[in-house]
Amino acid sequence: MLARLVTLTTRRSAFAAVPRPFLSLSLRTYATKHYTKEHEWISVADGVGTFGISDYAQKALGDVVFIELPEVGASFAKKDNISAVESVKAASDIYAPVSGEVVAVNSALADEPSLINSSPEGEAWIAKIKLSNPAELEHLLDEASYAKHCDE
């Protein structure tokens, strides 16, 4: 019992030094990842969504050899064709998961499109888009719903 109390006290004191806003921001960012039925993902923080294709999509495509990136400053409506990828198997359009303006692109993908195969939901994000209608996120899938969709 004493050992358990010491462990709990030690754990609490470890988090005591971390400012509260940092903890809530970290959790909020993690909780905002959404997916489309067309296999795009988006993670939102401060009104800007970072998006790319899902791990499921990259596995279906195979080795990615080229990606067409959107232009910074371009505006898109939800489900507009925003990008395209080519692999050794096929070419596939990528659709905007939400409406908004592109504020950044991952230029590393132009030189190394294979990043999509090694880190599709991490380093291989395609672009960042400033959301013009955050309510559109409500119509996307959470991680559990997306996994179920992929199993169907």
C-alpha atoms as a PDB file:
ATOM      1  CA  MET A   1       0.000   0.000   0.000  1.00  0.00           C
ATOM      2  CA  LEU A   2       2.803   2.426   0.866  1.00  0.00           C
ATOM      3  CA  ALA A   3       4.621   1.603  -2.383  1.00  0.00           C
ATOM      4  CA  ARG A   4       1.444   2.372  -4.355  1.00  0.00           C
ATOM      5  CA  LEU A   5       1.030   5.709  -2.567  1.00  0.00           C
ATOM      6  CA  VAL A   6       4.655   6.641  -3.282  1.00  0.00           C
ATOM      7  CA  THR A   7       4.194   5.735  -6.959  1.00  0.00           C
ATOM      8  CA  LEU A   8       1.040   7.846  -7.252  1.00  0.00           C
ATOM      9  CA  THR A   9       2.690  10.773  -5.475  1.00  0.00           C
ATOM     10  CA  THR A  10       5.743  10.512  -7.751  1.00  0.00           C
ATOM     11  CA  ARG A  11       3.577  10.432 -10.888  1.00  0.00           C
ATOM     12  CA  ARG A  12       1.579  13.442  -9.778  1.00  0.00           C
ATOM     13  CA  SER A  13       4.697  15.427  -8.936  1.00  0.00           C
ATOM     14  CA  ALA A  14       6.172  14.619 -12.359  1.00  0.00           C
ATOM     15  CA  PHE A  15       3.207  16.344 -14.024  1.00  0.00           C
ATOM     16  CA  ALA A  16       3.132  19.200 -11.514  1.00  0.00           C
ATOM     17  CA  ALA A  17       6.008  20.919 -13.322  1.00  0.00           C
ATOM     18  CA  VAL A  18       4.192  20.783 -16.694  1.00  0.00           C
ATOM     19  CA  PRO A  19       1.996  23.828 -17.264  1.00  0.00           C
ATOM     20  CA  ARG A  20      -1.714  22.978 -17.551  1.00  0.00           C
ATOM     21  CA  PRO A  21      -2.255  24.635 -20.966  1.00  0.00           C
ATOM     22  CA  PHE A  22       0.491  22.408 -22.434  1.00  0.00           C
ATOM     23  CA  LEU A  23      -1.266  19.267 -21.232  1.00  0.00           C
ATOM     24  CA  SER A  24      -4.681  20.249 -22.565  1.00  0.00           C
ATOM     25  CA  LEU A  25      -3.245  21.413 -25.906  1.00  0.00           C
ATOM     26  CA  SER A  26      -1.449  18.089 -26.397  1.00  0.00           C
ATOM     27  CA  LEU A  27      -4.593  16.111 -25.741  1.00  0.00           C
ATOM     28  CA  ARG A  28      -6.762  18.371 -27.893  1.00  0.00           C
ATOM     29  CA  THR A  29      -4.450  18.071 -30.895  1.00  0.00           C
ATOM     30  CA  TYR A  30      -4.454  14.279 -30.654  1.00  0.00           C
ATOM     31  CA  ALA A  31      -8.228  14.121 -30.410  1.00  0.00           C
ATOM     32  CA  THR A  32      -8.822  16.117 -33.607  1.00  0.00           C
ATOM     33  CA  LYS A  33      -7.695  13.535 -36.200  1.00  0.00           C
ATOM     34  CA  HIS A  34     -10.416  12.696 -38.708  1.00  0.00           C
ATOM     35  CA  TYR A  35     -10.698  10.608 -41.874  1.00  0.00           C
ATOM     36  CA  THR A  36     -12.716  10.668 -45.090  1.00  0.00           C
ATOM     37  CA  LYS A  37     -14.256   7.606 -46.692  1.00  0.00           C
ATOM     38  CA  GLU A  38     -11.903   8.292 -49.615  1.00  0.00           C
ATOM     39  CA  HIS A  39      -8.916   7.635 -47.303  1.00  0.00           C
ATOM     40  CA  GLU A  40      -7.631  11.128 -46.542  1.00  0.00           C
ATOM     41  CA  TRP A  41      -6.821  12.129 -42.953  1.00  0.00           C
ATOM     42  CA  ILE A  42      -6.790  15.559 -41.354  1.00  0.00           C
ATOM     43  CA  SER A  43      -5.519  16.728 -37.981  1.00  0.00           C
ATOM     44  CA  VAL A  44      -6.634  20.189 -36.863  1.00  0.00           C
ATOM     45  CA  ALA A  45      -4.965  22.658 -34.524  1.00  0.00           C
ATOM     46  CA  ASP A  46      -5.848  26.346 -34.193  1.00  0.00           C
ATOM     47  CA  GLY A  47      -8.117  26.349 -37.255  1.00  0.00           C
ATOM     48  CA  VAL A  48      -5.498  24.869 -39.592  1.00  0.00           C
ATOM     49  CA  GLY A  49      -5.757  21.290 -40.795  1.00  0.00           C
ATOM     50  CA  THR A  50      -2.775  19.202 -41.794  1.00  0.00           C
ATOM     51  CA  PHE A  51      -3.842  16.466 -44.204  1.00  0.00           C
ATOM     52  CA  GLY A  52      -2.569  13.560 -46.258  1.00  0.00           C
ATOM     53  CA  ILE A  53      -3.514  10.058 -47.305  1.00  0.00           C
ATOM     54  CA  SER A  54      -4.049   7.254 -44.839  1.00  0.00           C
ATOM     55  CA  ASP A  55      -1.868   4.229 -44.260  1.00  0.00           C
ATOM     56  CA  TYR A  56      -4.647   2.116 -45.790  1.00  0.00           C
ATOM     57  CA  ALA A  57      -4.497   4.210 -48.987  1.00  0.00           C
ATOM     58  CA  GLN A  58      -0.719   4.035 -49.340  1.00  0.00           C
ATOM     59  CA  LYS A  59      -0.798   0.251 -48.930  1.00  0.00           C
ATOM     60  CA  ALA A  60      -3.421  -0.013 -51.678  1.00  0.00           C
ATOM     61  CA  LEU A  61      -1.369   2.232 -53.989  1.00  0.00           C
ATOM     62  CA  GLY A  62       1.978   0.506 -53.545  1.00  0.00           C
ATOM     63  CA  ASP A  63       5.248   2.350 -54.121  1.00  0.00           C
ATOM     64  CA  VAL A  64       4.498   6.044 -54.678  1.00  0.00           C
ATOM     65  CA  VAL A  65       6.685   7.596 -57.397  1.00  0.00           C
ATOM     66  CA  PHE A  66       5.128  11.056 -57.886  1.00  0.00           C
ATOM     67  CA  ILE A  67       2.836  13.512 -56.105  1.00  0.00           C
ATOM     68  CA  GLU A  68       1.200  16.644 -57.424  1.00  0.00           C
ATOM     69  CA  LEU A  69       1.025  19.224 -54.635  1.00  0.00           C
ATOM     70  CA  PRO A  70      -1.577  22.011 -54.437  1.00  0.00           C
ATOM     71  CA  GLU A  71      -0.487  25.640 -54.674  1.00  0.00           C
ATOM     72  CA  VAL A  72      -0.197  27.783 -51.548  1.00  0.00           C
ATOM     73  CA  GLY A  73      -2.998  30.345 -51.589  1.00  0.00           C
ATOM     74  CA  ALA A  74      -5.377  28.159 -53.608  1.00  0.00           C
ATOM     75  CA  SER A  75      -8.866  27.697 -52.183  1.00  0.00           C
ATOM     76  CA  PHE A  76     -10.804  24.453 -52.330  1.00  0.00           C
ATOM     77  CA  ALA A  77     -14.265  23.272 -51.375  1.00  0.00           C
ATOM     78  CA  LYS A  78     -14.717  20.014 -49.490  1.00  0.00           C
ATOM     79  CA  LYS A  79     -14.334  17.040 -51.879  1.00  0.00           C
ATOM     80  CA  ASP A  80     -12.600  19.121 -54.592  1.00  0.00           C
ATOM     81  CA  ASN A  81      -9.647  17.452 -56.297  1.00  0.00           C
ATOM     82  CA  ILE A  82      -6.726  19.013 -54.403  1.00  0.00           C
ATOM     83  CA  SER A  83      -3.810  16.752 -55.321  1.00  0.00           C
ATOM     84  CA  ALA A  84      -2.863  13.493 -57.029  1.00  0.00           C
ATOM     85  CA  VAL A  85      -0.457  10.631 -56.420  1.00  0.00           C
ATOM     86  CA  GLU A  86       1.052   8.160 -58.844  1.00  0.00           C
ATOM     87  CA  SER A  87       2.410   4.795 -57.872  1.00  0.00           C
ATOM     88  CA  VAL A  88       3.824   1.812 -59.723  1.00  0.00           C
ATOM     89  CA  LYS A  89       0.283   0.358 -59.640  1.00  0.00           C
ATOM     90  CA  ALA A  90      -2.021   3.315 -60.316  1.00  0.00           C
ATOM     91  CA  ALA A  91      -2.728   7.027 -60.170  1.00  0.00           C
ATOM     92  CA  SER A  92      -5.206   8.403 -57.678  1.00  0.00           C
ATOM     93  CA  ASP A  93      -6.817  11.765 -57.014  1.00  0.00           C
ATOM     94  CA  ILE A  94      -6.737  13.223 -53.523  1.00  0.00           C
ATOM     95  CA  TYR A  95      -9.760  15.197 -52.377  1.00  0.00           C
ATOM     96  CA  ALA A  96      -9.926  18.112 -49.966  1.00  0.00           C
ATOM     97  CA  PRO A  97     -11.215  16.765 -46.644  1.00  0.00           C
ATOM     98  CA  VAL A  98     -12.563  20.241 -45.754  1.00  0.00           C
ATOM     99  CA  SER A  99     -13.075  23.613 -47.410  1.00  0.00           C
ATOM    100  CA  GLY A 100     -10.407  26.261 -47.042  1.00  0.00           C
ATOM    101  CA  GLU A 101      -7.229  27.894 -48.288  1.00  0.00           C
ATOM    102  CA  VAL A 102      -3.899  26.090 -48.632  1.00  0.00           C
ATOM    103  CA  VAL A 103      -1.396  27.825 -46.357  1.00  0.00           C
ATOM    104  CA  ALA A 104       1.558  25.409 -46.695  1.00  0.00           C
ATOM    105  CA  VAL A 105       2.648  22.359 -48.678  1.00  0.00           C
ATOM    106  CA  ASN A 106       5.117  19.618 -47.837  1.00  0.00           C
ATOM    107  CA  SER A 107       7.768  20.348 -50.483  1.00  0.00           C
ATOM    108  CA  ALA A 108       9.836  17.388 -49.239  1.00  0.00           C
ATOM    109  CA  LEU A 109       7.353  15.136 -51.060  1.00  0.00           C
ATOM    110  CA  ALA A 110       8.347  16.596 -54.442  1.00  0.00           C
ATOM    111  CA  ASP A 111      11.892  15.260 -53.971  1.00  0.00           C
ATOM    112  CA  GLU A 112      10.959  12.137 -52.021  1.00  0.00           C
ATOM    113  CA  PRO A 113       7.399  10.951 -52.793  1.00  0.00           C
ATOM    114  CA  SER A 114       8.227   7.580 -51.204  1.00  0.00           C
ATOM    115  CA  LEU A 115       7.821   9.298 -47.809  1.00  0.00           C
ATOM    116  CA  ILE A 116       4.117   8.584 -48.339  1.00  0.00           C
ATOM    117  CA  ASN A 117       4.897   4.875 -48.065  1.00  0.00           C
ATOM    118  CA  SER A 118       7.116   5.153 -44.999  1.00  0.00           C
ATOM    119  CA  SER A 119       5.179   7.771 -42.997  1.00  0.00           C
ATOM    120  CA  PRO A 120       1.751   8.435 -44.555  1.00  0.00           C
ATOM    121  CA  GLU A 121       0.169   9.878 -41.420  1.00  0.00           C
ATOM    122  CA  GLY A 122       3.261  11.652 -40.136  1.00  0.00           C
ATOM    123  CA  GLU A 123       6.164  13.109 -42.152  1.00  0.00           C
ATOM    124  CA  ALA A 124       4.295  12.704 -45.441  1.00  0.00           C
ATOM    125  CA  TRP A 125       1.535  15.226 -44.801  1.00  0.00           C
ATOM    126  CA  ILE A 126       0.559  16.809 -48.102  1.00  0.00           C
ATOM    127  CA  ALA A 127      -0.621  20.294 -47.188  1.00  0.00           C
ATOM    128  CA  LYS A 128      -2.006  22.543 -44.489  1.00  0.00           C
ATOM    129  CA  ILE A 129      -5.357  24.168 -45.095  1.00  0.00           C
ATOM    130  CA  LYS A 130      -6.970  27.013 -43.145  1.00  0.00           C
ATOM    131  CA  LEU A 131     -10.527  25.808 -42.525  1.00  0.00           C
ATOM    132  CA  SER A 132     -13.263  28.076 -43.836  1.00  0.00           C
ATOM    133  CA  ASN A 133     -16.043  25.936 -42.334  1.00  0.00           C
ATOM    134  CA  PRO A 134     -14.930  24.006 -39.204  1.00  0.00           C
ATOM    135  CA  ALA A 135     -18.390  22.409 -38.947  1.00  0.00           C
ATOM    136  CA  GLU A 136     -17.408  20.170 -41.886  1.00  0.00           C
ATOM    137  CA  LEU A 137     -15.234  18.173 -39.473  1.00  0.00           C
ATOM    138  CA  GLU A 138     -18.390  16.821 -37.846  1.00  0.00           C
ATOM    139  CA  HIS A 139     -19.145  14.848 -41.024  1.00  0.00           C
ATOM    140  CA  LEU A 140     -15.772  13.076 -41.092  1.00  0.00           C
ATOM    141  CA  LEU A 141     -14.951   9.739 -39.466  1.00  0.00           C
ATOM    142  CA  ASP A 142     -13.092   9.288 -36.196  1.00  0.00           C
ATOM    143  CA  GLU A 143     -10.334   6.662 -36.022  1.00  0.00           C
ATOM    144  CA  ALA A 144     -12.621   3.823 -34.873  1.00  0.00           C
ATOM    145  CA  SER A 145     -15.243   4.553 -37.546  1.00  0.00           C
ATOM    146  CA  TYR A 146     -12.551   4.775 -40.214  1.00  0.00           C
ATOM    147  CA  ALA A 147     -11.067   1.419 -39.179  1.00  0.00           C
ATOM    148  CA  LYS A 148     -14.530  -0.130 -39.411  1.00  0.00           C
ATOM    149  CA  HIS A 149     -15.022   1.443 -42.854  1.00  0.00           C
ATOM    150  CA  CYS A 150     -11.723  -0.056 -44.065  1.00  0.00           C
ATOM    151  CA  ASP A 151     -12.750  -3.517 -42.813  1.00  0.00           C
ATOM    152  CA  GLU A 152     -15.972  -3.487 -44.847  1.00  0.00           C
END
